[in-house]
Amino acid sequence: MSDNGPSRVLAIVTNYGVEQDELLVPVRHLRDHGTPVDVAGVSAGEIRTLVGDKDPGDSGTADLALADVDPSAYDLLLIPGGTLNADSLRLDGKAMEIVRAFTSSGRPVAAICHGPWALVETGAVQGKRLTSYASLQTDVRNAGGEWVDEAVVTDDTGGWTLITSRNPGDLKEFLREIDATLTA
């Protein structure tokens, strides 16, 4: 996608509560395949992940703070889930500015589990077909999106690509679609 070398991916998270595998597995996968990934947290430094929203997970690192992100430097936005992470993220003004910067400029967004809450908050699901953790389906529908129960959904209507999945069990399909989008 990028005209200046490999595509660059930005993941946005809070520093506590992101679902371990929804952040760490995609970041490791992309980096292992040569894709530069920056993780932006509310603050730079340690990210404490959770497993199943309750059990402590492996730690990660925020390379930079959300306030220091230049969204134009990236080709794809990754929004992991975790109920605590997603709920806090959608209340963060800078995070929502980043989401809007991607959707308004036509760059792809990949969101998993509770991650689509950020897209609901910005109004970006209007007219989109997507999936998420099942508890978000009413929020998605109320925001004008079409919610479906599928492992992965890619929707390129409205001038930008949205890739969504339901939960960590869908990571294989989710990563396949991210890879396909980055190499398109």
N, C-alpha and C. Protein backbone atom coordinates (compact mmCIF):
# COMPACT_ATOMS: atom_id res chain seq x y z
N MET A 1 0.80 -1.20 0.00
CA MET A 1 0.00 0.00 0.00
C MET A 1 0.84 1.26 0.00
N SER A 2 1.92 1.24 0.75
CA SER A 2 2.76 2.42 0.87
C SER A 2 3.68 2.55 -0.34
N ASP A 3 3.82 3.77 -0.82
CA ASP A 3 4.73 4.01 -1.94
C ASP A 3 6.17 4.13 -1.46
N ASN A 4 6.37 4.24 -0.16
CA ASN A 4 7.70 4.44 0.41
C ASN A 4 8.10 3.25 1.28
N GLY A 5 8.22 2.07 0.68
CA GLY A 5 8.62 0.90 1.45
C GLY A 5 7.43 0.11 1.92
N PRO A 6 7.67 -0.76 2.91
CA PRO A 6 6.58 -1.60 3.38
C PRO A 6 5.48 -0.79 4.06
N SER A 7 4.29 -1.33 4.03
CA SER A 7 3.16 -0.69 4.71
C SER A 7 3.45 -0.58 6.19
N ARG A 8 2.98 0.49 6.79
CA ARG A 8 3.16 0.70 8.23
C ARG A 8 1.81 0.59 8.91
N VAL A 9 1.81 -0.09 10.06
CA VAL A 9 0.58 -0.31 10.81
C VAL A 9 0.67 0.40 12.15
N LEU A 10 -0.43 0.99 12.56
CA LEU A 10 -0.56 1.62 13.86
C LEU A 10 -1.61 0.86 14.65
N ALA A 11 -1.27 0.42 15.85
CA ALA A 11 -2.24 -0.18 16.77
C ALA A 11 -2.49 0.83 17.88
N ILE A 12 -3.76 1.07 18.22
CA ILE A 12 -4.08 1.99 19.31
C ILE A 12 -4.74 1.23 20.45
N VAL A 13 -4.26 1.51 21.68
CA VAL A 13 -4.74 0.80 22.86
C VAL A 13 -4.66 1.70 24.09
N THR A 14 -5.27 1.25 25.16
CA THR A 14 -5.03 1.84 26.46
C THR A 14 -3.90 1.04 27.09
N ASN A 15 -3.35 1.53 28.17
CA ASN A 15 -2.21 0.84 28.78
C ASN A 15 -2.63 -0.27 29.73
N TYR A 16 -3.94 -0.44 29.93
CA TYR A 16 -4.43 -1.53 30.77
C TYR A 16 -5.75 -2.04 30.21
N GLY A 17 -5.84 -3.35 30.05
CA GLY A 17 -7.12 -3.95 29.71
C GLY A 17 -7.29 -4.45 28.30
N VAL A 18 -6.30 -4.26 27.44
CA VAL A 18 -6.42 -4.79 26.08
C VAL A 18 -6.33 -6.31 26.15
N GLU A 19 -7.12 -6.98 25.32
CA GLU A 19 -7.10 -8.45 25.27
C GLU A 19 -5.75 -8.90 24.70
N GLN A 20 -5.03 -9.70 25.49
CA GLN A 20 -3.66 -10.11 25.17
C GLN A 20 -3.47 -10.53 23.71
N ASP A 21 -4.18 -11.55 23.27
CA ASP A 21 -3.92 -12.10 21.94
C ASP A 21 -4.38 -11.18 20.81
N GLU A 22 -5.33 -10.30 21.08
CA GLU A 22 -5.81 -9.40 20.04
C GLU A 22 -4.83 -8.26 19.75
N LEU A 23 -3.91 -8.04 20.67
CA LEU A 23 -2.82 -7.09 20.43
C LEU A 23 -1.53 -7.82 20.07
N LEU A 24 -1.09 -8.70 20.94
CA LEU A 24 0.24 -9.29 20.80
C LEU A 24 0.37 -10.21 19.59
N VAL A 25 -0.66 -11.00 19.28
CA VAL A 25 -0.57 -11.92 18.14
C VAL A 25 -0.49 -11.16 16.81
N PRO A 26 -1.37 -10.18 16.54
CA PRO A 26 -1.23 -9.44 15.28
C PRO A 26 0.08 -8.66 15.17
N VAL A 27 0.51 -8.03 16.27
CA VAL A 27 1.77 -7.27 16.22
C VAL A 27 2.93 -8.20 15.90
N ARG A 28 3.00 -9.33 16.57
CA ARG A 28 4.08 -10.29 16.31
C ARG A 28 4.00 -10.82 14.87
N HIS A 29 2.81 -11.18 14.42
CA HIS A 29 2.61 -11.69 13.07
C HIS A 29 3.08 -10.68 12.02
N LEU A 30 2.63 -9.45 12.15
CA LEU A 30 2.99 -8.42 11.17
C LEU A 30 4.49 -8.14 11.18
N ARG A 31 5.06 -7.99 12.35
CA ARG A 31 6.51 -7.73 12.44
C ARG A 31 7.31 -8.90 11.90
N ASP A 32 6.88 -10.13 12.19
CA ASP A 32 7.57 -11.32 11.68
C ASP A 32 7.54 -11.37 10.15
N HIS A 33 6.54 -10.73 9.54
CA HIS A 33 6.42 -10.70 8.08
C HIS A 33 6.94 -9.40 7.48
N GLY A 34 7.71 -8.64 8.26
CA GLY A 34 8.38 -7.46 7.73
C GLY A 34 7.57 -6.18 7.72
N THR A 35 6.42 -6.18 8.36
CA THR A 35 5.60 -4.97 8.40
C THR A 35 5.92 -4.17 9.66
N PRO A 36 6.36 -2.94 9.52
CA PRO A 36 6.60 -2.11 10.70
C PRO A 36 5.28 -1.81 11.42
N VAL A 37 5.28 -2.01 12.73
CA VAL A 37 4.09 -1.75 13.55
C VAL A 37 4.50 -0.88 14.72
N ASP A 38 3.76 0.20 14.93
CA ASP A 38 3.90 1.01 16.13
C ASP A 38 2.65 0.81 16.97
N VAL A 39 2.86 0.64 18.26
CA VAL A 39 1.75 0.53 19.20
C VAL A 39 1.69 1.84 19.97
N ALA A 40 0.53 2.50 19.90
CA ALA A 40 0.33 3.75 20.61
C ALA A 40 -0.63 3.51 21.76
N GLY A 41 -0.19 3.89 22.96
CA GLY A 41 -1.02 3.79 24.16
C GLY A 41 -1.39 5.16 24.65
N VAL A 42 -2.20 5.21 25.66
CA VAL A 42 -2.53 6.50 26.27
C VAL A 42 -1.23 7.19 26.68
N SER A 43 -0.28 6.37 27.14
CA SER A 43 1.07 6.87 27.39
C SER A 43 2.06 5.85 26.86
N ALA A 44 3.26 6.28 26.53
CA ALA A 44 4.30 5.35 26.08
C ALA A 44 4.71 4.49 27.27
N GLY A 45 5.17 3.27 26.98
CA GLY A 45 5.63 2.40 28.06
C GLY A 45 4.83 1.13 28.15
N GLU A 46 4.76 0.60 29.37
CA GLU A 46 4.16 -0.72 29.58
C GLU A 46 2.66 -0.76 29.27
N ILE A 47 2.25 -1.87 28.64
CA ILE A 47 0.85 -2.18 28.42
C ILE A 47 0.57 -3.46 29.19
N ARG A 48 -0.40 -3.41 30.07
CA ARG A 48 -0.79 -4.59 30.82
C ARG A 48 -2.02 -5.19 30.17
N THR A 49 -1.84 -6.36 29.56
CA THR A 49 -2.94 -7.01 28.86
C THR A 49 -3.72 -7.90 29.83
N LEU A 50 -4.91 -8.27 29.40
CA LEU A 50 -5.75 -9.21 30.13
C LEU A 50 -6.13 -10.36 29.20
N VAL A 51 -6.48 -11.47 29.81
CA VAL A 51 -7.01 -12.61 29.08
C VAL A 51 -8.45 -12.80 29.56
N GLY A 52 -9.38 -12.74 28.61
CA GLY A 52 -10.78 -12.88 28.98
C GLY A 52 -11.29 -11.78 29.88
N ASP A 53 -10.73 -10.59 29.76
CA ASP A 53 -11.13 -9.41 30.52
C ASP A 53 -10.87 -9.49 32.02
N LYS A 54 -10.22 -10.56 32.50
CA LYS A 54 -10.05 -10.67 33.94
C LYS A 54 -8.70 -11.19 34.40
N ASP A 55 -8.10 -12.10 33.66
CA ASP A 55 -6.83 -12.68 34.10
C ASP A 55 -5.65 -11.90 33.53
N PRO A 56 -4.62 -11.64 34.35
CA PRO A 56 -3.44 -10.92 33.86
C PRO A 56 -2.81 -11.66 32.68
N GLY A 57 -2.44 -10.90 31.66
CA GLY A 57 -1.78 -11.46 30.49
C GLY A 57 -0.35 -10.99 30.41
N ASP A 58 0.28 -11.27 29.30
CA ASP A 58 1.65 -10.83 29.07
C ASP A 58 1.67 -9.31 28.89
N SER A 59 2.77 -8.70 29.28
CA SER A 59 2.92 -7.26 29.08
C SER A 59 3.38 -6.97 27.66
N GLY A 60 3.04 -5.81 27.20
CA GLY A 60 3.51 -5.32 25.91
C GLY A 60 4.07 -3.93 26.11
N THR A 61 4.43 -3.29 25.02
CA THR A 61 5.01 -1.96 25.10
C THR A 61 4.34 -1.02 24.12
N ALA A 62 3.96 0.14 24.63
CA ALA A 62 3.48 1.22 23.76
C ALA A 62 4.71 1.98 23.30
N ASP A 63 4.95 2.00 22.00
CA ASP A 63 6.10 2.67 21.43
C ASP A 63 5.99 4.19 21.55
N LEU A 64 4.76 4.69 21.58
CA LEU A 64 4.52 6.12 21.68
C LEU A 64 3.17 6.36 22.30
N ALA A 65 2.91 7.58 22.68
CA ALA A 65 1.62 7.97 23.25
C ALA A 65 0.67 8.36 22.13
N LEU A 66 -0.62 8.16 22.37
CA LEU A 66 -1.63 8.56 21.38
C LEU A 66 -1.45 10.02 20.98
N ALA A 67 -1.11 10.87 21.93
CA ALA A 67 -0.95 12.30 21.67
C ALA A 67 0.18 12.60 20.69
N ASP A 68 1.12 11.66 20.54
CA ASP A 68 2.28 11.87 19.67
C ASP A 68 2.14 11.22 18.29
N VAL A 69 0.99 10.63 18.00
CA VAL A 69 0.78 9.92 16.74
C VAL A 69 0.51 10.89 15.60
N ASP A 70 1.18 10.64 14.47
CA ASP A 70 0.86 11.31 13.22
C ASP A 70 0.15 10.26 12.36
N PRO A 71 -1.18 10.25 12.32
CA PRO A 71 -1.90 9.20 11.61
C PRO A 71 -1.51 9.09 10.13
N SER A 72 -1.08 10.19 9.52
CA SER A 72 -0.74 10.16 8.10
C SER A 72 0.48 9.30 7.80
N ALA A 73 1.23 8.92 8.82
CA ALA A 73 2.44 8.11 8.63
C ALA A 73 2.15 6.62 8.52
N TYR A 74 0.87 6.22 8.60
CA TYR A 74 0.51 4.81 8.65
C TYR A 74 -0.48 4.44 7.55
N ASP A 75 -0.43 3.16 7.18
CA ASP A 75 -1.26 2.66 6.09
C ASP A 75 -2.48 1.88 6.56
N LEU A 76 -2.45 1.37 7.80
CA LEU A 76 -3.57 0.59 8.33
C LEU A 76 -3.63 0.82 9.84
N LEU A 77 -4.85 0.92 10.35
CA LEU A 77 -5.08 1.08 11.78
C LEU A 77 -5.62 -0.22 12.35
N LEU A 78 -5.00 -0.69 13.43
CA LEU A 78 -5.43 -1.89 14.14
C LEU A 78 -6.02 -1.48 15.48
N ILE A 79 -7.25 -1.93 15.74
CA ILE A 79 -7.92 -1.64 17.01
C ILE A 79 -8.27 -2.95 17.69
N PRO A 80 -7.43 -3.38 18.64
CA PRO A 80 -7.71 -4.61 19.38
C PRO A 80 -8.87 -4.38 20.36
N GLY A 81 -9.39 -5.50 20.88
CA GLY A 81 -10.48 -5.42 21.84
C GLY A 81 -10.03 -5.54 23.28
N GLY A 82 -10.87 -6.20 24.02
CA GLY A 82 -10.78 -6.19 25.47
C GLY A 82 -11.80 -5.17 25.92
N THR A 83 -12.76 -5.57 26.73
CA THR A 83 -13.84 -4.67 27.10
C THR A 83 -13.33 -3.39 27.74
N LEU A 84 -12.44 -3.51 28.72
CA LEU A 84 -11.92 -2.32 29.40
C LEU A 84 -11.17 -1.41 28.43
N ASN A 85 -10.33 -2.01 27.61
CA ASN A 85 -9.57 -1.25 26.62
C ASN A 85 -10.49 -0.49 25.68
N ALA A 86 -11.42 -1.20 25.06
CA ALA A 86 -12.27 -0.59 24.05
C ALA A 86 -13.19 0.47 24.63
N ASP A 87 -13.71 0.23 25.83
CA ASP A 87 -14.60 1.20 26.44
C ASP A 87 -13.85 2.48 26.79
N SER A 88 -12.64 2.35 27.31
CA SER A 88 -11.83 3.53 27.63
C SER A 88 -11.35 4.24 26.37
N LEU A 89 -10.96 3.47 25.37
CA LEU A 89 -10.42 4.04 24.14
C LEU A 89 -11.45 4.93 23.44
N ARG A 90 -12.70 4.48 23.42
CA ARG A 90 -13.72 5.27 22.71
C ARG A 90 -14.05 6.58 23.40
N LEU A 91 -13.58 6.73 24.65
CA LEU A 91 -13.76 7.99 25.37
C LEU A 91 -12.55 8.90 25.27
N ASP A 92 -11.51 8.43 24.58
CA ASP A 92 -10.26 9.20 24.45
C ASP A 92 -10.34 10.03 23.16
N GLY A 93 -10.34 11.34 23.32
CA GLY A 93 -10.49 12.23 22.16
C GLY A 93 -9.42 12.03 21.10
N LYS A 94 -8.17 11.85 21.51
CA LYS A 94 -7.08 11.67 20.54
C LYS A 94 -7.25 10.36 19.79
N ALA A 95 -7.66 9.30 20.48
CA ALA A 95 -7.88 8.02 19.81
C ALA A 95 -8.98 8.16 18.75
N MET A 96 -10.03 8.88 19.08
CA MET A 96 -11.12 9.05 18.12
C MET A 96 -10.68 9.93 16.94
N GLU A 97 -9.81 10.90 17.18
CA GLU A 97 -9.24 11.70 16.08
C GLU A 97 -8.46 10.79 15.13
N ILE A 98 -7.71 9.86 15.69
CA ILE A 98 -6.92 8.93 14.87
C ILE A 98 -7.84 8.06 14.02
N VAL A 99 -8.90 7.53 14.63
CA VAL A 99 -9.86 6.71 13.88
C VAL A 99 -10.45 7.52 12.74
N ARG A 100 -10.89 8.74 13.03
CA ARG A 100 -11.48 9.59 11.98
C ARG A 100 -10.47 9.91 10.87
N ALA A 101 -9.21 10.09 11.24
CA ALA A 101 -8.18 10.38 10.23
C ALA A 101 -8.05 9.22 9.24
N PHE A 102 -8.15 8.00 9.71
CA PHE A 102 -8.06 6.84 8.81
C PHE A 102 -9.31 6.72 7.95
N THR A 103 -10.48 6.76 8.56
CA THR A 103 -11.70 6.54 7.79
C THR A 103 -11.96 7.66 6.79
N SER A 104 -11.65 8.89 7.16
CA SER A 104 -11.91 10.01 6.25
C SER A 104 -10.91 10.07 5.10
N SER A 105 -9.74 9.46 5.27
CA SER A 105 -8.73 9.49 4.22
C SER A 105 -8.74 8.21 3.37
N GLY A 106 -9.64 7.29 3.68
CA GLY A 106 -9.77 6.09 2.86
C GLY A 106 -8.79 4.98 3.19
N ARG A 107 -8.10 5.08 4.32
CA ARG A 107 -7.16 4.02 4.70
C ARG A 107 -7.86 2.95 5.53
N PRO A 108 -7.42 1.71 5.43
CA PRO A 108 -8.12 0.61 6.09
C PRO A 108 -7.98 0.61 7.61
N VAL A 109 -9.02 0.05 8.23
CA VAL A 109 -9.06 -0.15 9.67
C VAL A 109 -9.41 -1.61 9.93
N ALA A 110 -8.68 -2.23 10.85
CA ALA A 110 -8.95 -3.61 11.27
C ALA A 110 -9.27 -3.58 12.75
N ALA A 111 -10.47 -4.04 13.13
CA ALA A 111 -10.92 -4.00 14.53
C ALA A 111 -11.47 -5.37 14.90
N ILE A 112 -11.10 -5.83 16.10
CA ILE A 112 -11.53 -7.14 16.54
C ILE A 112 -12.21 -7.06 17.91
N CYS A 113 -13.20 -7.92 18.10
CA CYS A 113 -13.89 -8.11 19.37
C CYS A 113 -14.63 -6.84 19.76
N HIS A 114 -14.20 -6.17 20.82
CA HIS A 114 -14.82 -4.91 21.25
C HIS A 114 -14.22 -3.69 20.54
N GLY A 115 -13.18 -3.89 19.73
CA GLY A 115 -12.54 -2.80 18.99
C GLY A 115 -13.49 -1.96 18.15
N PRO A 116 -14.52 -2.57 17.52
CA PRO A 116 -15.44 -1.75 16.72
C PRO A 116 -16.19 -0.68 17.49
N TRP A 117 -16.16 -0.71 18.83
CA TRP A 117 -16.78 0.38 19.59
C TRP A 117 -16.20 1.73 19.18
N ALA A 118 -14.92 1.78 18.86
CA ALA A 118 -14.29 3.04 18.43
C ALA A 118 -14.93 3.52 17.13
N LEU A 119 -15.28 2.61 16.26
CA LEU A 119 -15.91 2.96 14.99
C LEU A 119 -17.36 3.38 15.19
N VAL A 120 -18.04 2.75 16.13
CA VAL A 120 -19.40 3.17 16.48
C VAL A 120 -19.35 4.60 17.00
N GLU A 121 -18.39 4.86 17.89
CA GLU A 121 -18.27 6.18 18.52
C GLU A 121 -18.04 7.29 17.50
N THR A 122 -17.31 6.99 16.44
CA THR A 122 -17.00 8.01 15.43
C THR A 122 -18.03 8.07 14.30
N GLY A 123 -19.02 7.20 14.34
CA GLY A 123 -20.04 7.18 13.29
C GLY A 123 -19.59 6.46 12.03
N ALA A 124 -18.47 5.77 12.10
CA ALA A 124 -17.89 5.17 10.89
C ALA A 124 -18.55 3.87 10.45
N VAL A 125 -19.43 3.27 11.27
CA VAL A 125 -20.05 2.01 10.84
C VAL A 125 -21.30 2.23 10.00
N GLN A 126 -21.74 3.46 9.88
CA GLN A 126 -22.93 3.77 9.08
C GLN A 126 -22.79 3.17 7.68
N GLY A 127 -23.70 2.28 7.30
CA GLY A 127 -23.68 1.67 5.98
C GLY A 127 -22.68 0.55 5.80
N LYS A 128 -21.96 0.19 6.85
CA LYS A 128 -20.94 -0.87 6.77
C LYS A 128 -21.51 -2.20 7.26
N ARG A 129 -21.02 -3.29 6.69
CA ARG A 129 -21.32 -4.65 7.15
C ARG A 129 -20.11 -5.10 7.97
N LEU A 130 -20.34 -5.54 9.22
CA LEU A 130 -19.23 -5.89 10.09
C LEU A 130 -19.65 -6.90 11.14
N THR A 131 -18.64 -7.39 11.85
CA THR A 131 -18.85 -8.26 12.98
C THR A 131 -18.08 -7.71 14.17
N SER A 132 -18.30 -8.32 15.33
CA SER A 132 -17.66 -7.89 16.57
C SER A 132 -17.99 -8.93 17.62
N TYR A 133 -17.57 -8.67 18.84
CA TYR A 133 -18.06 -9.46 19.95
C TYR A 133 -19.58 -9.30 19.97
N ALA A 134 -20.30 -10.37 20.24
CA ALA A 134 -21.76 -10.36 20.09
C ALA A 134 -22.45 -9.26 20.88
N SER A 135 -21.91 -8.86 22.01
CA SER A 135 -22.59 -7.85 22.83
C SER A 135 -22.63 -6.47 22.19
N LEU A 136 -21.86 -6.26 21.13
CA LEU A 136 -21.86 -4.97 20.44
C LEU A 136 -22.89 -4.87 19.33
N GLN A 137 -23.58 -5.98 19.01
CA GLN A 137 -24.44 -5.97 17.83
C GLN A 137 -25.52 -4.90 17.88
N THR A 138 -26.12 -4.64 19.03
CA THR A 138 -27.14 -3.59 19.12
C THR A 138 -26.52 -2.22 18.89
N ASP A 139 -25.33 -1.98 19.48
CA ASP A 139 -24.64 -0.70 19.26
C ASP A 139 -24.33 -0.50 17.78
N VAL A 140 -23.85 -1.55 17.12
CA VAL A 140 -23.52 -1.46 15.69
C VAL A 140 -24.77 -1.15 14.88
N ARG A 141 -25.85 -1.86 15.16
CA ARG A 141 -27.10 -1.62 14.42
C ARG A 141 -27.65 -0.22 14.68
N ASN A 142 -27.60 0.22 15.94
CA ASN A 142 -28.10 1.56 16.27
C ASN A 142 -27.27 2.65 15.60
N ALA A 143 -26.01 2.34 15.28
CA ALA A 143 -25.13 3.31 14.61
C ALA A 143 -25.22 3.19 13.09
N GLY A 144 -26.14 2.36 12.58
CA GLY A 144 -26.35 2.27 11.14
C GLY A 144 -25.56 1.20 10.43
N GLY A 145 -24.91 0.32 11.18
CA GLY A 145 -24.16 -0.77 10.57
C GLY A 145 -24.99 -2.04 10.49
N GLU A 146 -24.56 -2.95 9.64
CA GLU A 146 -25.19 -4.26 9.53
C GLU A 146 -24.30 -5.27 10.25
N TRP A 147 -24.74 -5.76 11.40
CA TRP A 147 -23.96 -6.71 12.20
C TRP A 147 -24.25 -8.12 11.73
N VAL A 148 -23.18 -8.92 11.55
CA VAL A 148 -23.31 -10.33 11.18
C VAL A 148 -22.41 -11.17 12.09
N ASP A 149 -22.79 -12.42 12.26
CA ASP A 149 -22.03 -13.34 13.10
C ASP A 149 -21.15 -14.21 12.20
N GLU A 150 -19.98 -13.69 11.84
CA GLU A 150 -19.03 -14.40 10.98
C GLU A 150 -17.64 -14.21 11.55
N ALA A 151 -16.73 -15.13 11.24
CA ALA A 151 -15.37 -15.08 11.77
C ALA A 151 -14.64 -13.81 11.35
N VAL A 152 -14.82 -13.40 10.12
CA VAL A 152 -14.18 -12.18 9.63
C VAL A 152 -15.07 -11.58 8.55
N VAL A 153 -15.15 -10.26 8.55
CA VAL A 153 -15.91 -9.54 7.53
C VAL A 153 -15.03 -8.42 7.01
N THR A 154 -14.91 -8.34 5.70
CA THR A 154 -14.21 -7.23 5.06
C THR A 154 -15.22 -6.47 4.22
N ASP A 155 -15.34 -5.17 4.47
CA ASP A 155 -16.29 -4.32 3.76
C ASP A 155 -15.52 -3.12 3.22
N ASP A 156 -15.55 -2.94 1.90
CA ASP A 156 -14.82 -1.82 1.30
C ASP A 156 -15.75 -0.75 0.75
N THR A 157 -17.00 -0.73 1.22
CA THR A 157 -17.92 0.32 0.77
C THR A 157 -17.56 1.64 1.44
N GLY A 158 -18.05 2.72 0.88
CA GLY A 158 -17.86 4.03 1.50
C GLY A 158 -16.47 4.61 1.35
N GLY A 159 -15.66 4.02 0.49
CA GLY A 159 -14.35 4.60 0.21
C GLY A 159 -13.22 4.15 1.11
N TRP A 160 -13.48 3.21 2.03
CA TRP A 160 -12.40 2.69 2.89
C TRP A 160 -12.73 1.26 3.29
N THR A 161 -11.68 0.51 3.59
CA THR A 161 -11.84 -0.90 3.94
C THR A 161 -11.90 -1.08 5.44
N LEU A 162 -12.89 -1.86 5.88
CA LEU A 162 -13.05 -2.22 7.28
C LEU A 162 -12.96 -3.73 7.39
N ILE A 163 -12.03 -4.20 8.24
CA ILE A 163 -11.87 -5.62 8.52
C ILE A 163 -12.26 -5.83 9.98
N THR A 164 -13.19 -6.76 10.23
CA THR A 164 -13.61 -7.01 11.61
C THR A 164 -13.68 -8.50 11.89
N SER A 165 -13.45 -8.84 13.16
CA SER A 165 -13.60 -10.21 13.64
C SER A 165 -14.22 -10.19 15.03
N ARG A 166 -14.69 -11.38 15.47
CA ARG A 166 -15.48 -11.47 16.70
C ARG A 166 -14.65 -11.59 17.98
N ASN A 167 -13.56 -12.37 17.94
CA ASN A 167 -12.85 -12.70 19.17
C ASN A 167 -11.49 -13.33 18.84
N PRO A 168 -10.67 -13.65 19.86
CA PRO A 168 -9.35 -14.22 19.58
C PRO A 168 -9.39 -15.53 18.79
N GLY A 169 -10.49 -16.26 18.87
CA GLY A 169 -10.62 -17.49 18.10
C GLY A 169 -10.65 -17.26 16.59
N ASP A 170 -10.85 -16.02 16.18
CA ASP A 170 -10.92 -15.67 14.75
C ASP A 170 -9.62 -15.05 14.24
N LEU A 171 -8.55 -15.08 15.03
CA LEU A 171 -7.32 -14.37 14.64
C LEU A 171 -6.73 -14.87 13.33
N LYS A 172 -6.80 -16.15 13.04
CA LYS A 172 -6.24 -16.67 11.78
C LYS A 172 -6.91 -15.99 10.59
N GLU A 173 -8.23 -15.93 10.60
CA GLU A 173 -8.97 -15.31 9.50
C GLU A 173 -8.75 -13.80 9.47
N PHE A 174 -8.72 -13.19 10.64
CA PHE A 174 -8.50 -11.75 10.77
C PHE A 174 -7.15 -11.37 10.17
N LEU A 175 -6.10 -12.11 10.53
CA LEU A 175 -4.76 -11.82 10.02
C LEU A 175 -4.66 -12.07 8.52
N ARG A 176 -5.36 -13.08 8.04
CA ARG A 176 -5.37 -13.35 6.59
C ARG A 176 -5.91 -12.14 5.83
N GLU A 177 -6.98 -11.54 6.33
CA GLU A 177 -7.58 -10.39 5.66
C GLU A 177 -6.70 -9.14 5.79
N ILE A 178 -6.06 -8.97 6.93
CA ILE A 178 -5.13 -7.84 7.08
C ILE A 178 -3.98 -8.00 6.09
N ASP A 179 -3.40 -9.20 6.01
CA ASP A 179 -2.32 -9.45 5.07
C ASP A 179 -2.75 -9.15 3.63
N ALA A 180 -3.94 -9.61 3.26
CA ALA A 180 -4.44 -9.39 1.90
C ALA A 180 -4.62 -7.90 1.62
N THR A 181 -5.10 -7.16 2.58
CA THR A 181 -5.30 -5.73 2.41
C THR A 181 -3.98 -4.99 2.29
N LEU A 182 -3.00 -5.39 3.09
CA LEU A 182 -1.71 -4.72 3.04
C LEU A 182 -0.93 -5.00 1.75
N THR A 183 -1.21 -6.13 1.12
CA THR A 183 -0.49 -6.47 -0.12
C THR A 183 -1.28 -6.11 -1.37
N ALA A 184 -2.49 -5.58 -1.19
CA ALA A 184 -3.32 -5.22 -2.35
C ALA A 184 -2.75 -4.03 -3.10
